Structure formats: C-alpha cells, structure tokens
Amino acid sequence: MKKFRKSKQDVIDQERQLAARINNINFLERKDREGTAQVRLTKTVLDRNGVPDPQLVPVTWVATVTYDYKNPAKKAGDQWLNPRGFGIKAYTMTQEVGVSNGK
C-alpha cells in the first residue's frame, strides 16, 4: 500500500504554525466601494521556533477575492480595528503549479 504524505492540515498542531506571505495583489475591478482582486500568497509550515519545516515545501496559491467597504463597526470602540469598514464578501483559492518558491 502506498503511503501518502500528510496534508498541512494534519501536521499543524501546538508545535507548528502556518505562515502566509502575500507576494502581490492585483486589483481587477473597483467600483462603488466594492471590488475584485487577485492575491498571490505563499503558505509555509513553521516549527515552534518560527523556522520553516524542511520536510514540507512552501505552497503558492492564487486567491480571487471580492470585497467591499460596507462593514461598519458593530460595537462602540471597535472603529479603530477596521476604520474603513473593509470586508471580504467571497473568495476562491487555487494552488499554483510549477512554482519554484525561490529554490
């Protein structure tokens, strides 16, 4: 029986964390306080010391995100958390293939 590597969801625990680095953002459409953007990011599994796990290769993703600025703070005093009312309406993520991730 072939043994498969565990997915990142299976290996994240109290000893590890997942770091996401934004590589770039392309704004595809913006109109009336709403928009769509393409976000390219790299996810890396880190050990408890913040060092990348050499057994798990970083993975690059492309996310298509729709967003708006129509989300005011719900409680008094929370305005400083999100002063412009930014909110993600929906997103999809696709893993990029054929990316060397700097190697």
PDB file of N, CA and C in Angstrom:
ATOM      1  N   MET A   1       0.840  -1.166   0.000  1.00  0.00           N
ATOM      2  CA  MET A   1       0.000   0.000   0.000  1.00  0.00           C
ATOM      3  C   MET A   1       0.893   1.240   0.000  1.00  0.00           C
ATOM      4  N   LYS A   2       0.563   2.195  -0.868  1.00  0.00           N
ATOM      5  CA  LYS A   2       1.337   3.428  -0.956  1.00  0.00           C
ATOM      6  C   LYS A   2       1.004   4.331   0.223  1.00  0.00           C
ATOM      7  N   LYS A   3       2.042   4.894   0.836  1.00  0.00           N
ATOM      8  CA  LYS A   3       1.834   5.790   1.971  1.00  0.00           C
ATOM      9  C   LYS A   3       1.948   7.226   1.479  1.00  0.00           C
ATOM     10  N   PHE A   4       0.912   8.024   1.738  1.00  0.00           N
ATOM     11  CA  PHE A   4       0.891   9.406   1.294  1.00  0.00           C
ATOM     12  C   PHE A   4       1.397  10.327   2.391  1.00  0.00           C
ATOM     13  N   ARG A   5       2.028  11.438   1.974  1.00  0.00           N
ATOM     14  CA  ARG A   5       2.432  12.465   2.940  1.00  0.00           C
ATOM     15  C   ARG A   5       1.190  13.088   3.548  1.00  0.00           C
ATOM     16  N   LYS A   6       1.290  13.460   4.793  1.00  0.00           N
ATOM     17  CA  LYS A   6       0.166  14.121   5.445  1.00  0.00           C
ATOM     18  C   LYS A   6       0.002  15.527   4.888  1.00  0.00           C
ATOM     19  N   SER A   7      -1.241  15.972   4.847  1.00  0.00           N
ATOM     20  CA  SER A   7      -1.500  17.334   4.394  1.00  0.00           C
ATOM     21  C   SER A   7      -1.100  18.320   5.483  1.00  0.00           C
ATOM     22  N   LYS A   8      -1.007  19.592   5.119  1.00  0.00           N
ATOM     23  CA  LYS A   8      -0.634  20.615   6.096  1.00  0.00           C
ATOM     24  C   LYS A   8      -1.648  20.689   7.237  1.00  0.00           C
ATOM     25  N   GLN A   9      -2.927  20.446   6.941  1.00  0.00           N
ATOM     26  CA  GLN A   9      -3.937  20.467   7.996  1.00  0.00           C
ATOM     27  C   GLN A   9      -3.686  19.371   9.020  1.00  0.00           C
ATOM     28  N   ASP A  10      -3.111  18.264   8.596  1.00  0.00           N
ATOM     29  CA  ASP A  10      -2.852  17.154   9.510  1.00  0.00           C
ATOM     30  C   ASP A  10      -1.625  17.387  10.389  1.00  0.00           C
ATOM     31  N   VAL A  11      -0.687  18.219   9.939  1.00  0.00           N
ATOM     32  CA  VAL A  11       0.547  18.385  10.706  1.00  0.00           C
ATOM     33  C   VAL A  11       0.555  19.630  11.591  1.00  0.00           C
ATOM     34  N   ILE A  12      -0.371  20.565  11.392  1.00  0.00           N
ATOM     35  CA  ILE A  12      -0.416  21.763  12.233  1.00  0.00           C
ATOM     36  C   ILE A  12      -0.951  21.359  13.605  1.00  0.00           C
ATOM     37  N   ASP A  13      -0.181  21.667  14.628  1.00  0.00           N
ATOM     38  CA  ASP A  13      -0.586  21.351  15.998  1.00  0.00           C
ATOM     39  C   ASP A  13       0.024  22.402  16.915  1.00  0.00           C
ATOM     40  N   GLN A  14       0.174  22.090  18.191  1.00  0.00           N
ATOM     41  CA  GLN A  14       0.741  23.059  19.122  1.00  0.00           C
ATOM     42  C   GLN A  14       2.223  23.302  18.870  1.00  0.00           C
ATOM     43  N   GLU A  15       2.869  22.439  18.119  1.00  0.00           N
ATOM     44  CA  GLU A  15       4.295  22.574  17.845  1.00  0.00           C
ATOM     45  C   GLU A  15       4.576  23.328  16.547  1.00  0.00           C
ATOM     46  N   ARG A  16       3.560  23.592  15.745  1.00  0.00           N
ATOM     47  CA  ARG A  16       3.770  24.211  14.438  1.00  0.00           C
ATOM     48  C   ARG A  16       2.740  25.302  14.186  1.00  0.00           C
ATOM     49  N   GLN A  17       3.066  26.137  13.232  1.00  0.00           N
ATOM     50  CA  GLN A  17       2.140  27.183  12.829  1.00  0.00           C
ATOM     51  C   GLN A  17       2.233  27.370  11.320  1.00  0.00           C
ATOM     52  N   LEU A  18       1.239  28.019  10.761  1.00  0.00           N
ATOM     53  CA  LEU A  18       1.194  28.250   9.325  1.00  0.00           C
ATOM     54  C   LEU A  18       1.402  29.733   9.074  1.00  0.00           C
ATOM     55  N   ALA A  19       2.404  30.064   8.269  1.00  0.00           N
ATOM     56  CA  ALA A  19       2.684  31.455   7.918  1.00  0.00           C
ATOM     57  C   ALA A  19       2.238  31.690   6.481  1.00  0.00           C
ATOM     58  N   ALA A  20       1.577  32.806   6.248  1.00  0.00           N
ATOM     59  CA  ALA A  20       1.160  33.183   4.899  1.00  0.00           C
ATOM     60  C   ALA A  20       1.840  34.495   4.532  1.00  0.00           C
ATOM     61  N   ARG A  21       2.543  34.496   3.407  1.00  0.00           N
ATOM     62  CA  ARG A  21       3.211  35.703   2.928  1.00  0.00           C
ATOM     63  C   ARG A  21       2.525  36.160   1.644  1.00  0.00           C
ATOM     64  N   ILE A  22       2.073  37.410   1.624  1.00  0.00           N
ATOM     65  CA  ILE A  22       1.457  37.974   0.426  1.00  0.00           C
ATOM     66  C   ILE A  22       2.577  38.307  -0.560  1.00  0.00           C
ATOM     67  N   ASN A  23       2.513  37.727  -1.752  1.00  0.00           N
ATOM     68  CA  ASN A  23       3.513  38.000  -2.787  1.00  0.00           C
ATOM     69  C   ASN A  23       3.137  39.228  -3.603  1.00  0.00           C
ATOM     70  N   ASN A  24       1.871  39.323  -3.991  1.00  0.00           N
ATOM     71  CA  ASN A  24       1.395  40.512  -4.693  1.00  0.00           C
ATOM     72  C   ASN A  24      -0.122  40.542  -4.708  1.00  0.00           C
ATOM     73  N   ILE A  25      -0.649  41.722  -5.004  1.00  0.00           N
ATOM     74  CA  ILE A  25      -2.092  41.930  -5.124  1.00  0.00           C
ATOM     75  C   ILE A  25      -2.335  42.677  -6.423  1.00  0.00           C
ATOM     76  N   ASN A  26      -3.218  42.140  -7.255  1.00  0.00           N
ATOM     77  CA  ASN A  26      -3.635  42.801  -8.493  1.00  0.00           C
ATOM     78  C   ASN A  26      -5.108  43.155  -8.360  1.00  0.00           C
ATOM     79  N   PHE A  27      -5.408  44.444  -8.431  1.00  0.00           N
ATOM     80  CA  PHE A  27      -6.798  44.877  -8.364  1.00  0.00           C
ATOM     81  C   PHE A  27      -7.397  44.746  -9.756  1.00  0.00           C
ATOM     82  N   LEU A  28      -8.419  43.905  -9.878  1.00  0.00           N
ATOM     83  CA  LEU A  28      -9.017  43.618 -11.172  1.00  0.00           C
ATOM     84  C   LEU A  28     -10.150  44.572 -11.498  1.00  0.00           C
ATOM     85  N   GLU A  29     -10.913  44.956 -10.486  1.00  0.00           N
ATOM     86  CA  GLU A  29     -12.062  45.839 -10.700  1.00  0.00           C
ATOM     87  C   GLU A  29     -12.360  46.566  -9.398  1.00  0.00           C
ATOM     88  N   ARG A  30     -12.656  47.862  -9.501  1.00  0.00           N
ATOM     89  CA  ARG A  30     -13.055  48.645  -8.333  1.00  0.00           C
ATOM     90  C   ARG A  30     -14.160  49.599  -8.755  1.00  0.00           C
ATOM     91  N   LYS A  31     -15.284  49.567  -8.010  1.00  0.00           N
ATOM     92  CA  LYS A  31     -16.417  50.418  -8.356  1.00  0.00           C
ATOM     93  C   LYS A  31     -17.351  50.518  -7.163  1.00  0.00           C
ATOM     94  N   ASP A  32     -17.749  51.733  -6.820  1.00  0.00           N
ATOM     95  CA  ASP A  32     -18.748  51.969  -5.772  1.00  0.00           C
ATOM     96  C   ASP A  32     -18.430  51.246  -4.465  1.00  0.00           C
ATOM     97  N   ARG A  33     -17.222  51.408  -3.960  1.00  0.00           N
ATOM     98  CA  ARG A  33     -16.805  50.831  -2.678  1.00  0.00           C
ATOM     99  C   ARG A  33     -16.816  49.302  -2.670  1.00  0.00           C
ATOM    100  N   GLU A  34     -16.754  48.690  -3.847  1.00  0.00           N
ATOM    101  CA  GLU A  34     -16.662  47.235  -3.982  1.00  0.00           C
ATOM    102  C   GLU A  34     -15.566  46.928  -4.989  1.00  0.00           C
ATOM    103  N   GLY A  35     -15.045  45.705  -4.940  1.00  0.00           N
ATOM    104  CA  GLY A  35     -14.019  45.359  -5.904  1.00  0.00           C
ATOM    105  C   GLY A  35     -13.677  43.885  -5.913  1.00  0.00           C
ATOM    106  N   THR A  36     -12.819  43.546  -6.865  1.00  0.00           N
ATOM    107  CA  THR A  36     -12.293  42.193  -7.000  1.00  0.00           C
ATOM    108  C   THR A  36     -10.781  42.308  -7.134  1.00  0.00           C
ATOM    109  N   ALA A  37     -10.075  41.435  -6.444  1.00  0.00           N
ATOM    110  CA  ALA A  37      -8.616  41.435  -6.504  1.00  0.00           C
ATOM    111  C   ALA A  37      -8.110  40.006  -6.609  1.00  0.00           C
ATOM    112  N   GLN A  38      -6.938  39.878  -7.221  1.00  0.00           N
ATOM    113  CA  GLN A  38      -6.250  38.593  -7.282  1.00  0.00           C
ATOM    114  C   GLN A  38      -5.052  38.704  -6.341  1.00  0.00           C
ATOM    115  N   VAL A  39      -4.977  37.795  -5.375  1.00  0.00           N
ATOM    116  CA  VAL A  39      -3.925  37.828  -4.363  1.00  0.00           C
ATOM    117  C   VAL A  39      -3.074  36.572  -4.512  1.00  0.00           C
ATOM    118  N   ARG A  40      -1.781  36.752  -4.697  1.00  0.00           N
ATOM    119  CA  ARG A  40      -0.857  35.614  -4.785  1.00  0.00           C
ATOM    120  C   ARG A  40      -0.136  35.520  -3.452  1.00  0.00           C
ATOM    121  N   LEU A  41      -0.191  34.346  -2.803  1.00  0.00           N
ATOM    122  CA  LEU A  41       0.411  34.177  -1.487  1.00  0.00           C
ATOM    123  C   LEU A  41       1.111  32.836  -1.378  1.00  0.00           C
ATOM    124  N   THR A  42       2.058  32.772  -0.453  1.00  0.00           N
ATOM    125  CA  THR A  42       2.794  31.535  -0.194  1.00  0.00           C
ATOM    126  C   THR A  42       2.573  31.132   1.254  1.00  0.00           C
ATOM    127  N   LYS A  43       2.136  29.889   1.456  1.00  0.00           N
ATOM    128  CA  LYS A  43       1.932  29.348   2.802  1.00  0.00           C
ATOM    129  C   LYS A  43       3.113  28.441   3.157  1.00  0.00           C
ATOM    130  N   THR A  44       3.652  28.635   4.360  1.00  0.00           N
ATOM    131  CA  THR A  44       4.800  27.866   4.834  1.00  0.00           C
ATOM    132  C   THR A  44       4.516  27.340   6.232  1.00  0.00           C
ATOM    133  N   VAL A  45       4.811  26.065   6.482  1.00  0.00           N
ATOM    134  CA  VAL A  45       4.670  25.492   7.823  1.00  0.00           C
ATOM    135  C   VAL A  45       5.950  25.795   8.598  1.00  0.00           C
ATOM    136  N   LEU A  46       5.797  26.378   9.799  1.00  0.00           N
ATOM    137  CA  LEU A  46       6.922  26.731  10.663  1.00  0.00           C
ATOM    138  C   LEU A  46       6.912  25.860  11.905  1.00  0.00           C
ATOM    139  N   ASP A  47       8.104  25.611  12.459  1.00  0.00           N
ATOM    140  CA  ASP A  47       8.161  24.886  13.728  1.00  0.00           C
ATOM    141  C   ASP A  47       7.886  25.863  14.873  1.00  0.00           C
ATOM    142  N   ARG A  48       7.961  25.394  16.102  1.00  0.00           N
ATOM    143  CA  ARG A  48       7.614  26.237  17.252  1.00  0.00           C
ATOM    144  C   ARG A  48       8.561  27.416  17.432  1.00  0.00           C
ATOM    145  N   ASN A  49       9.737  27.367  16.773  1.00  0.00           N
ATOM    146  CA  ASN A  49      10.697  28.471  16.836  1.00  0.00           C
ATOM    147  C   ASN A  49      10.558  29.433  15.659  1.00  0.00           C
ATOM    148  N   GLY A  50       9.575  29.190  14.804  1.00  0.00           N
ATOM    149  CA  GLY A  50       9.365  30.058  13.651  1.00  0.00           C
ATOM    150  C   GLY A  50      10.256  29.753  12.464  1.00  0.00           C
ATOM    151  N   VAL A  51      10.866  28.573  12.460  1.00  0.00           N
ATOM    152  CA  VAL A  51      11.748  28.153  11.369  1.00  0.00           C
ATOM    153  C   VAL A  51      10.948  27.270  10.406  1.00  0.00           C
ATOM    154  N   PRO A  52      11.059  27.506   9.082  1.00  0.00           N
ATOM    155  CA  PRO A  52      10.332  26.668   8.123  1.00  0.00           C
ATOM    156  C   PRO A  52      10.673  25.187   8.279  1.00  0.00           C
ATOM    157  N   ASP A  53       9.645  24.339   8.215  1.00  0.00           N
ATOM    158  CA  ASP A  53       9.823  22.891   8.307  1.00  0.00           C
ATOM    159  C   ASP A  53      10.416  22.395   6.990  1.00  0.00           C
ATOM    160  N   PRO A  54      11.624  21.817   7.007  1.00  0.00           N
ATOM    161  CA  PRO A  54      12.264  21.380   5.763  1.00  0.00           C
ATOM    162  C   PRO A  54      11.553  20.200   5.093  1.00  0.00           C
ATOM    163  N   GLN A  55      10.700  19.493   5.819  1.00  0.00           N
ATOM    164  CA  GLN A  55      10.001  18.344   5.246  1.00  0.00           C
ATOM    165  C   GLN A  55       8.759  18.752   4.461  1.00  0.00           C
ATOM    166  N   LEU A  56       8.297  19.991   4.646  1.00  0.00           N
ATOM    167  CA  LEU A  56       7.096  20.464   3.962  1.00  0.00           C
ATOM    168  C   LEU A  56       7.447  21.665   3.093  1.00  0.00           C
ATOM    169  N   VAL A  57       7.285  21.510   1.814  1.00  0.00           N
ATOM    170  CA  VAL A  57       7.617  22.561   0.855  1.00  0.00           C
ATOM    171  C   VAL A  57       6.580  23.681   0.934  1.00  0.00           C
ATOM    172  N   PRO A  58       7.001  24.957   0.905  1.00  0.00           N
ATOM    173  CA  PRO A  58       6.035  26.055   0.850  1.00  0.00           C
ATOM    174  C   PRO A  58       5.154  25.913  -0.393  1.00  0.00           C
ATOM    175  N   VAL A  59       3.900  26.315  -0.275  1.00  0.00           N
ATOM    176  CA  VAL A  59       2.942  26.181  -1.366  1.00  0.00           C
ATOM    177  C   VAL A  59       2.427  27.567  -1.746  1.00  0.00           C
ATOM    178  N   THR A  60       2.427  27.852  -3.055  1.00  0.00           N
ATOM    179  CA  THR A  60       1.944  29.134  -3.557  1.00  0.00           C
ATOM    180  C   THR A  60       0.505  28.984  -4.034  1.00  0.00           C
ATOM    181  N   TRP A  61      -0.322  29.967  -3.671  1.00  0.00           N
ATOM    182  CA  TRP A  61      -1.742  29.970  -4.007  1.00  0.00           C
ATOM    183  C   TRP A  61      -2.103  31.274  -4.707  1.00  0.00           C
ATOM    184  N   VAL A  62      -3.150  31.224  -5.516  1.00  0.00           N
ATOM    185  CA  VAL A  62      -3.737  32.425  -6.098  1.00  0.00           C
ATOM    186  C   VAL A  62      -5.178  32.481  -5.605  1.00  0.00           C
ATOM    187  N   ALA A  63      -5.507  33.578  -4.925  1.00  0.00           N
ATOM    188  CA  ALA A  63      -6.864  33.766  -4.415  1.00  0.00           C
ATOM    189  C   ALA A  63      -7.536  34.878  -5.211  1.00  0.00           C
ATOM    190  N   THR A  64      -8.777  34.653  -5.602  1.00  0.00           N
ATOM    191  CA  THR A  64      -9.598  35.702  -6.194  1.00  0.00           C
ATOM    192  C   THR A  64     -10.575  36.129  -5.115  1.00  0.00           C
ATOM    193  N   VAL A  65     -10.530  37.416  -4.773  1.00  0.00           N
ATOM    194  CA  VAL A  65     -11.255  37.938  -3.617  1.00  0.00           C
ATOM    195  C   VAL A  65     -12.209  39.038  -4.062  1.00  0.00           C
ATOM    196  N   THR A  66     -13.462  38.964  -3.617  1.00  0.00           N
ATOM    197  CA  THR A  66     -14.373  40.098  -3.787  1.00  0.00           C
ATOM    198  C   THR A  66     -14.542  40.743  -2.420  1.00  0.00           C
ATOM    199  N   TYR A  67     -14.524  42.053  -2.402  1.00  0.00           N
ATOM    200  CA  TYR A  67     -14.524  42.790  -1.137  1.00  0.00           C
ATOM    201  C   TYR A  67     -15.378  44.047  -1.255  1.00  0.00           C
ATOM    202  N   ASP A  68     -15.685  44.628  -0.107  1.00  0.00           N
ATOM    203  CA  ASP A  68     -16.361  45.921  -0.081  1.00  0.00           C
ATOM    204  C   ASP A  68     -15.941  46.687   1.168  1.00  0.00           C
ATOM    205  N   TYR A  69     -16.423  47.915   1.259  1.00  0.00           N
ATOM    206  CA  TYR A  69     -16.150  48.776   2.414  1.00  0.00           C
ATOM    207  C   TYR A  69     -17.474  49.157   3.071  1.00  0.00           C
ATOM    208  N   LYS A  70     -18.335  48.184   3.272  1.00  0.00           N
ATOM    209  CA  LYS A  70     -19.682  48.425   3.793  1.00  0.00           C
ATOM    210  C   LYS A  70     -19.916  47.699   5.111  1.00  0.00           C
ATOM    211  N   ASN A  71     -18.899  47.599   5.957  1.00  0.00           N
ATOM    212  CA  ASN A  71     -18.989  46.825   7.193  1.00  0.00           C
ATOM    213  C   ASN A  71     -18.599  47.686   8.391  1.00  0.00           C
ATOM    214  N   PRO A  72     -19.487  48.565   8.833  1.00  0.00           N
ATOM    215  CA  PRO A  72     -19.143  49.423   9.976  1.00  0.00           C
ATOM    216  C   PRO A  72     -18.970  48.601  11.253  1.00  0.00           C
ATOM    217  N   ALA A  73     -18.259  49.178  12.203  1.00  0.00           N
ATOM    218  CA  ALA A  73     -18.047  48.512  13.497  1.00  0.00           C
ATOM    219  C   ALA A  73     -19.386  48.246  14.171  1.00  0.00           C
ATOM    220  N   LYS A  74     -19.517  47.076  14.799  1.00  0.00           N
ATOM    221  CA  LYS A  74     -20.771  46.693  15.465  1.00  0.00           C
ATOM    222  C   LYS A  74     -20.842  47.190  16.898  1.00  0.00           C
ATOM    223  N   LYS A  75     -19.673  47.382  17.532  1.00  0.00           N
ATOM    224  CA  LYS A  75     -19.640  47.843  18.920  1.00  0.00           C
ATOM    225  C   LYS A  75     -18.867  49.150  19.012  1.00  0.00           C
ATOM    226  N   ALA A  76     -19.302  49.996  19.933  1.00  0.00           N
ATOM    227  CA  ALA A  76     -18.585  51.247  20.161  1.00  0.00           C
ATOM    228  C   ALA A  76     -17.150  50.926  20.580  1.00  0.00           C
ATOM    229  N   GLY A  77     -16.215  51.667  20.061  1.00  0.00           N
ATOM    230  CA  GLY A  77     -14.813  51.434  20.391  1.00  0.00           C
ATOM    231  C   GLY A  77     -14.100  50.513  19.423  1.00  0.00           C
ATOM    232  N   ASP A  78     -14.842  49.823  18.548  1.00  0.00           N
ATOM    233  CA  ASP A  78     -14.217  48.901  17.593  1.00  0.00           C
ATOM    234  C   ASP A  78     -13.812  49.574  16.278  1.00  0.00           C
ATOM    235  N   GLN A  79     -14.115  50.868  16.137  1.00  0.00           N
ATOM    236  CA  GLN A  79     -13.818  51.554  14.882  1.00  0.00           C
ATOM    237  C   GLN A  79     -12.325  51.500  14.546  1.00  0.00           C
ATOM    238  N   TRP A  80     -11.484  51.514  15.547  1.00  0.00           N
ATOM    239  CA  TRP A  80     -10.040  51.520  15.292  1.00  0.00           C
ATOM    240  C   TRP A  80      -9.551  50.190  14.720  1.00  0.00           C
ATOM    241  N   LEU A  81     -10.318  49.108  14.882  1.00  0.00           N
ATOM    242  CA  LEU A  81      -9.927  47.805  14.328  1.00  0.00           C
ATOM    243  C   LEU A  81     -10.060  47.772  12.809  1.00  0.00           C
ATOM    244  N   ASN A  82     -11.091  48.439  12.284  1.00  0.00           N
ATOM    245  CA  ASN A  82     -11.365  48.432  10.849  1.00  0.00           C
ATOM    246  C   ASN A  82     -12.040  49.756  10.487  1.00  0.00           C
ATOM    247  N   PRO A  83     -11.281  50.853  10.499  1.00  0.00           N
ATOM    248  CA  PRO A  83     -11.891  52.173  10.342  1.00  0.00           C
ATOM    249  C   PRO A  83     -12.598  52.400   9.010  1.00  0.00           C
ATOM    250  N   ARG A  84     -12.207  51.715   7.959  1.00  0.00           N
ATOM    251  CA  ARG A  84     -12.844  51.921   6.650  1.00  0.00           C
ATOM    252  C   ARG A  84     -13.960  50.924   6.373  1.00  0.00           C
ATOM    253  N   GLY A  85     -14.192  49.970   7.276  1.00  0.00           N
ATOM    254  CA  GLY A  85     -15.275  49.007   7.095  1.00  0.00           C
ATOM    255  C   GLY A  85     -14.993  47.954   6.038  1.00  0.00           C
ATOM    256  N   PHE A  86     -13.725  47.589   5.866  1.00  0.00           N
ATOM    257  CA  PHE A  86     -13.335  46.591   4.865  1.00  0.00           C
ATOM    258  C   PHE A  86     -13.892  45.220   5.225  1.00  0.00           C
ATOM    259  N   GLY A  87     -14.412  44.499   4.225  1.00  0.00           N
ATOM    260  CA  GLY A  87     -14.907  43.142   4.443  1.00  0.00           C
ATOM    261  C   GLY A  87     -14.752  42.292   3.194  1.00  0.00           C
ATOM    262  N   ILE A  88     -14.439  41.021   3.384  1.00  0.00           N
ATOM    263  CA  ILE A  88     -14.350  40.062   2.282  1.00  0.00           C
ATOM    264  C   ILE A  88     -15.733  39.465   2.073  1.00  0.00           C
ATOM    265  N   LYS A  89     -16.254  39.571   0.863  1.00  0.00           N
ATOM    266  CA  LYS A  89     -17.568  39.013   0.544  1.00  0.00           C
ATOM    267  C   LYS A  89     -17.453  37.542   0.151  1.00  0.00           C
ATOM    268  N   ALA A  90     -16.435  37.216  -0.644  1.00  0.00           N
ATOM    269  CA  ALA A  90     -16.239  35.829  -1.097  1.00  0.00           C
ATOM    270  C   ALA A  90     -14.811  35.688  -1.612  1.00  0.00           C
ATOM    271  N   TYR A  91     -14.328  34.446  -1.620  1.00  0.00           N
ATOM    272  CA  TYR A  91     -13.007  34.192  -2.193  1.00  0.00           C
ATOM    273  C   TYR A  91     -12.918  32.752  -2.668  1.00  0.00           C
ATOM    274  N   THR A  92     -12.017  32.530  -3.611  1.00  0.00           N
ATOM    275  CA  THR A  92     -11.660  31.185  -4.049  1.00  0.00           C
ATOM    276  C   THR A  92     -10.143  31.114  -4.076  1.00  0.00           C
ATOM    277  N   MET A  93      -9.605  29.933  -3.782  1.00  0.00           N
ATOM    278  CA  MET A  93      -8.152  29.747  -3.796  1.00  0.00           C
ATOM    279  C   MET A  93      -7.799  28.569  -4.692  1.00  0.00           C
ATOM    280  N   THR A  94      -6.762  28.770  -5.504  1.00  0.00           N
ATOM    281  CA  THR A  94      -6.268  27.732  -6.395  1.00  0.00           C
ATOM    282  C   THR A  94      -4.767  27.604  -6.190  1.00  0.00           C
ATOM    283  N   GLN A  95      -4.310  26.375  -6.015  1.00  0.00           N
ATOM    284  CA  GLN A  95      -2.874  26.159  -5.834  1.00  0.00           C
ATOM    285  C   GLN A  95      -2.158  26.359  -7.163  1.00  0.00           C
ATOM    286  N   GLU A  96      -1.082  27.137  -7.130  1.00  0.00           N
ATOM    287  CA  GLU A  96      -0.272  27.348  -8.317  1.00  0.00           C
ATOM    288  C   GLU A  96       0.619  26.137  -8.526  1.00  0.00           C
ATOM    289  N   VAL A  97       0.787  25.719  -9.757  1.00  0.00           N
ATOM    290  CA  VAL A  97       1.670  24.594 -10.055  1.00  0.00           C
ATOM    291  C   VAL A  97       2.851  25.104 -10.863  1.00  0.00           C
ATOM    292  N   GLY A  98       3.982  24.422 -10.732  1.00  0.00           N
ATOM    293  CA  GLY A  98       5.168  24.803 -11.480  1.00  0.00           C
ATOM    294  C   GLY A  98       5.885  26.010 -10.911  1.00  0.00           C
ATOM    295  N   VAL A  99       5.680  26.310  -9.614  1.00  0.00           N
ATOM    296  CA  VAL A  99       6.330  27.445  -8.966  1.00  0.00           C
ATOM    297  C   VAL A  99       7.479  26.921  -8.132  1.00  0.00           C
ATOM    298  N   SER A 100       8.650  27.555  -8.265  1.00  0.00           N
ATOM    299  CA  SER A 100       9.831  27.052  -7.565  1.00  0.00           C
ATOM    300  C   SER A 100       9.935  27.552  -6.139  1.00  0.00           C
ATOM    301  N   ASN A 101       9.178  28.598  -5.755  1.00  0.00           N
ATOM    302  CA  ASN A 101       9.235  29.171  -4.406  1.00  0.00           C
ATOM    303  C   ASN A 101      10.648  29.557  -4.006  1.00  0.00           C
ATOM    304  N   GLY A 102      11.397  30.133  -4.951  1.00  0.00           N
ATOM    305  CA  GLY A 102      12.732  30.627  -4.648  1.00  0.00           C
ATOM    306  C   GLY A 102      13.810  29.570  -4.597  1.00  0.00           C
ATOM    307  N   LYS A 103      13.533  28.354  -5.041  1.00  0.00           N
ATOM    308  CA  LYS A 103      14.539  27.282  -4.973  1.00  0.00           C
ATOM    309  C   LYS A 103      15.042  26.939  -6.350  1.00  0.00           C
TER     310      LYS A 103
END
